[in-house]
Amino acid sequence: MRDPETAPGQPLPTFEEAKGLGPQDSQFVRDLVEVLERHGNLDRFGLCLLHEHFPVAGDEVLVETHDLAARTLQIRVDKADATGHTKPSQWRFVKTGRGSGEVESHAYQVILQCSPISGCPGSRSTVR
């Protein structure tokens, strides 16, 4: 979801090229569930298939909005530093370097934010 020339990490495959979970991933999933459970995050985080439909530059982020009445989701691209009233909802893990004496940088980057104004959980528009 990021343009490889302007953002960290490897380029993502297209949706058609991306490989979903399969039987070969059973041990990986068990290990991940164990780690999430150990840290009390089993009901907080899950998995998503990383892929791209179109390039998103390093200074951009995907922003999700939705319409509760119509039960629809919409995702648009915004400039990351100009997006207001949003809460990160999807992250990508990235390798980080650590030199001698350096502090490790974040091991993730935000790839999707949700606009609470549109009705994301916790906003006033979700109260019924």
C-alpha atoms as a PDB file:
ATOM      1  CA  MET A   1       0.000   0.000   0.000  1.00  0.00           C
ATOM      2  CA  ARG A   2       3.056   2.205   0.025  1.00  0.00           C
ATOM      3  CA  ASP A   3       5.147   3.444  -2.851  1.00  0.00           C
ATOM      4  CA  PRO A   4       8.445   1.566  -2.358  1.00  0.00           C
ATOM      5  CA  GLU A   5      10.463   4.632  -3.353  1.00  0.00           C
ATOM      6  CA  THR A   6       9.041   6.787  -0.578  1.00  0.00           C
ATOM      7  CA  ALA A   7       8.219   4.390   2.268  1.00  0.00           C
ATOM      8  CA  PRO A   8       9.962   1.681   4.305  1.00  0.00           C
ATOM      9  CA  GLY A   9       9.398  -2.007   3.708  1.00  0.00           C
ATOM     10  CA  GLN A  10       9.147  -4.182   0.658  1.00  0.00           C
ATOM     11  CA  PRO A  11       6.655  -3.453  -2.123  1.00  0.00           C
ATOM     12  CA  LEU A  12       3.360  -5.228  -1.543  1.00  0.00           C
ATOM     13  CA  PRO A  13       1.878  -7.713  -4.002  1.00  0.00           C
ATOM     14  CA  THR A  14      -1.341  -6.980  -5.835  1.00  0.00           C
ATOM     15  CA  PHE A  15      -4.471  -8.535  -4.367  1.00  0.00           C
ATOM     16  CA  GLU A  16      -4.443 -11.175  -7.097  1.00  0.00           C
ATOM     17  CA  GLU A  17      -0.822 -12.105  -6.308  1.00  0.00           C
ATOM     18  CA  ALA A  18      -1.151 -12.106  -2.503  1.00  0.00           C
ATOM     19  CA  LYS A  19      -1.384 -15.528  -0.883  1.00  0.00           C
ATOM     20  CA  GLY A  20      -3.972 -15.994   1.847  1.00  0.00           C
ATOM     21  CA  LEU A  21      -3.714 -18.254   4.876  1.00  0.00           C
ATOM     22  CA  GLY A  22      -3.578 -21.956   4.146  1.00  0.00           C
ATOM     23  CA  PRO A  23      -2.822 -25.269   5.843  1.00  0.00           C
ATOM     24  CA  GLN A  24       0.921 -24.512   5.634  1.00  0.00           C
ATOM     25  CA  ASP A  25       0.353 -21.583   8.021  1.00  0.00           C
ATOM     26  CA  SER A  26      -1.225 -23.552  10.885  1.00  0.00           C
ATOM     27  CA  GLN A  27       1.851 -23.414  13.163  1.00  0.00           C
ATOM     28  CA  PHE A  28       2.345 -19.705  12.423  1.00  0.00           C
ATOM     29  CA  VAL A  29      -1.275 -18.995  13.398  1.00  0.00           C
ATOM     30  CA  ARG A  30      -0.999 -21.072  16.596  1.00  0.00           C
ATOM     31  CA  ASP A  31       2.207 -19.195  17.536  1.00  0.00           C
ATOM     32  CA  LEU A  32       0.599 -15.832  16.804  1.00  0.00           C
ATOM     33  CA  VAL A  33      -2.516 -16.692  18.838  1.00  0.00           C
ATOM     34  CA  GLU A  34      -0.279 -17.746  21.734  1.00  0.00           C
ATOM     35  CA  VAL A  35       1.640 -14.441  21.653  1.00  0.00           C
ATOM     36  CA  LEU A  36      -1.555 -12.373  21.394  1.00  0.00           C
ATOM     37  CA  GLU A  37      -3.158 -14.299  24.248  1.00  0.00           C
ATOM     38  CA  ARG A  38      -0.037 -14.012  26.426  1.00  0.00           C
ATOM     39  CA  HIS A  39      -0.155 -10.225  26.048  1.00  0.00           C
ATOM     40  CA  GLY A  40      -3.925  -9.947  26.525  1.00  0.00           C
ATOM     41  CA  ASN A  41      -4.490  -8.902  22.905  1.00  0.00           C
ATOM     42  CA  LEU A  42      -6.348 -11.881  21.431  1.00  0.00           C
ATOM     43  CA  ASP A  43      -9.601  -9.909  21.163  1.00  0.00           C
ATOM     44  CA  ARG A  44      -7.813  -6.700  20.163  1.00  0.00           C
ATOM     45  CA  PHE A  45      -5.759  -7.603  17.074  1.00  0.00           C
ATOM     46  CA  GLY A  46      -6.095  -9.984  14.137  1.00  0.00           C
ATOM     47  CA  LEU A  47      -4.642 -10.522  10.678  1.00  0.00           C
ATOM     48  CA  CYS A  48      -5.183  -8.857   7.346  1.00  0.00           C
ATOM     49  CA  LEU A  49      -3.806  -9.764   3.937  1.00  0.00           C
ATOM     50  CA  LEU A  50      -1.256  -7.123   2.969  1.00  0.00           C
ATOM     51  CA  HIS A  51      -1.680  -6.129  -0.666  1.00  0.00           C
ATOM     52  CA  GLU A  52      -2.100  -3.076  -2.838  1.00  0.00           C
ATOM     53  CA  HIS A  53      -4.678  -2.042  -5.385  1.00  0.00           C
ATOM     54  CA  PHE A  54      -2.785   1.130  -6.352  1.00  0.00           C
ATOM     55  CA  PRO A  55       0.358   2.932  -5.133  1.00  0.00           C
ATOM     56  CA  VAL A  56       0.161   4.994  -1.952  1.00  0.00           C
ATOM     57  CA  ALA A  57       3.092   7.365  -1.398  1.00  0.00           C
ATOM     58  CA  GLY A  58       5.058   7.496   1.851  1.00  0.00           C
ATOM     59  CA  ASP A  59       3.390  10.783   2.842  1.00  0.00           C
ATOM     60  CA  GLU A  60      -0.107   9.365   2.271  1.00  0.00           C
ATOM     61  CA  VAL A  61      -2.408   7.061   4.233  1.00  0.00           C
ATOM     62  CA  LEU A  62      -5.629   5.228   3.511  1.00  0.00           C
ATOM     63  CA  VAL A  63      -8.617   6.588   5.452  1.00  0.00           C
ATOM     64  CA  GLU A  64     -11.760   4.524   6.011  1.00  0.00           C
ATOM     65  CA  THR A  65     -15.187   6.068   6.473  1.00  0.00           C
ATOM     66  CA  HIS A  66     -18.522   4.360   6.637  1.00  0.00           C
ATOM     67  CA  ASP A  67     -22.236   4.972   6.583  1.00  0.00           C
ATOM     68  CA  LEU A  68     -24.043   3.081   9.349  1.00  0.00           C
ATOM     69  CA  ALA A  69     -27.475   3.431   7.786  1.00  0.00           C
ATOM     70  CA  ALA A  70     -26.379   2.227   4.340  1.00  0.00           C
ATOM     71  CA  ARG A  71     -23.927  -0.307   5.843  1.00  0.00           C
ATOM     72  CA  THR A  72     -21.147   0.704   3.452  1.00  0.00           C
ATOM     73  CA  LEU A  73     -17.408   1.315   3.789  1.00  0.00           C
ATOM     74  CA  GLN A  74     -15.338   3.676   1.712  1.00  0.00           C
ATOM     75  CA  ILE A  75     -11.557   4.075   1.668  1.00  0.00           C
ATOM     76  CA  ARG A  76      -9.779   7.103   0.237  1.00  0.00           C
ATOM     77  CA  VAL A  77      -6.179   8.326   0.120  1.00  0.00           C
ATOM     78  CA  ASP A  78      -5.284  11.413   2.190  1.00  0.00           C
ATOM     79  CA  LYS A  79      -2.030  13.165   2.998  1.00  0.00           C
ATOM     80  CA  ALA A  80      -0.903  11.636   6.283  1.00  0.00           C
ATOM     81  CA  ASP A  81      -0.079  14.972   7.923  1.00  0.00           C
ATOM     82  CA  ALA A  82      -3.387  16.576   6.867  1.00  0.00           C
ATOM     83  CA  THR A  83      -5.750  13.820   7.960  1.00  0.00           C
ATOM     84  CA  GLY A  84      -7.748  14.902  10.985  1.00  0.00           C
ATOM     85  CA  HIS A  85     -10.142  13.127  13.300  1.00  0.00           C
ATOM     86  CA  THR A  86      -8.783   9.664  12.535  1.00  0.00           C
ATOM     87  CA  LYS A  87      -7.615   6.696  14.543  1.00  0.00           C
ATOM     88  CA  PRO A  88      -5.128   4.139  13.174  1.00  0.00           C
ATOM     89  CA  SER A  89      -6.790   0.763  12.616  1.00  0.00           C
ATOM     90  CA  GLN A  90      -4.310  -1.234  10.509  1.00  0.00           C
ATOM     91  CA  TRP A  91      -0.546  -1.407  10.747  1.00  0.00           C
ATOM     92  CA  ARG A  92       2.208  -3.056   8.746  1.00  0.00           C
ATOM     93  CA  PHE A  93       5.196  -4.587  10.524  1.00  0.00           C
ATOM     94  CA  VAL A  94       8.534  -3.382   9.177  1.00  0.00           C
ATOM     95  CA  LYS A  95      12.097  -4.367   9.919  1.00  0.00           C
ATOM     96  CA  THR A  96      13.937  -1.729  11.878  1.00  0.00           C
ATOM     97  CA  GLY A  97      17.636  -1.116  12.167  1.00  0.00           C
ATOM     98  CA  ARG A  98      19.434  -0.504  15.389  1.00  0.00           C
ATOM     99  CA  GLY A  99      23.012   0.690  15.379  1.00  0.00           C
ATOM    100  CA  SER A 100      25.276   0.681  18.387  1.00  0.00           C
ATOM    101  CA  GLY A 101      23.765   2.906  21.037  1.00  0.00           C
ATOM    102  CA  GLU A 102      20.773   3.840  18.840  1.00  0.00           C
ATOM    103  CA  VAL A 103      17.192   3.534  19.996  1.00  0.00           C
ATOM    104  CA  GLU A 104      15.067   1.192  17.886  1.00  0.00           C
ATOM    105  CA  SER A 105      12.481   2.942  15.753  1.00  0.00           C
ATOM    106  CA  HIS A 106       8.861   1.799  15.516  1.00  0.00           C
ATOM    107  CA  ALA A 107       8.558  -1.688  14.072  1.00  0.00           C
ATOM    108  CA  TYR A 108       5.322  -0.792  12.292  1.00  0.00           C
ATOM    109  CA  GLN A 109       3.773   1.783  10.025  1.00  0.00           C
ATOM    110  CA  VAL A 110       0.122   2.855   9.891  1.00  0.00           C
ATOM    111  CA  ILE A 111      -1.503   1.773   6.636  1.00  0.00           C
ATOM    112  CA  LEU A 112      -5.169   2.513   7.391  1.00  0.00           C
ATOM    113  CA  GLN A 113      -6.919   5.022   9.596  1.00  0.00           C
ATOM    114  CA  CYS A 114     -10.602   5.205  10.460  1.00  0.00           C
ATOM    115  CA  SER A 115     -12.525   8.438  10.704  1.00  0.00           C
ATOM    116  CA  PRO A 116     -14.501   8.376  13.994  1.00  0.00           C
ATOM    117  CA  ILE A 117     -16.775  11.090  12.661  1.00  0.00           C
ATOM    118  CA  SER A 118     -18.127   8.599  10.122  1.00  0.00           C
ATOM    119  CA  GLY A 119     -19.242   6.167  12.787  1.00  0.00           C
ATOM    120  CA  CYS A 120     -16.166   4.199  13.787  1.00  0.00           C
ATOM    121  CA  PRO A 121     -16.547   2.465  17.139  1.00  0.00           C
ATOM    122  CA  GLY A 122     -16.459   4.960  19.987  1.00  0.00           C
ATOM    123  CA  SER A 123     -17.899   7.881  18.060  1.00  0.00           C
ATOM    124  CA  ARG A 124     -21.179   9.499  18.966  1.00  0.00           C
ATOM    125  CA  SER A 125     -22.729   8.340  15.675  1.00  0.00           C
ATOM    126  CA  THR A 126     -22.468   4.673  16.760  1.00  0.00           C
ATOM    127  CA  VAL A 127     -24.679   5.212  19.826  1.00  0.00           C
ATOM    128  CA  ARG A 128     -28.150   3.877  19.105  1.00  0.00           C
END
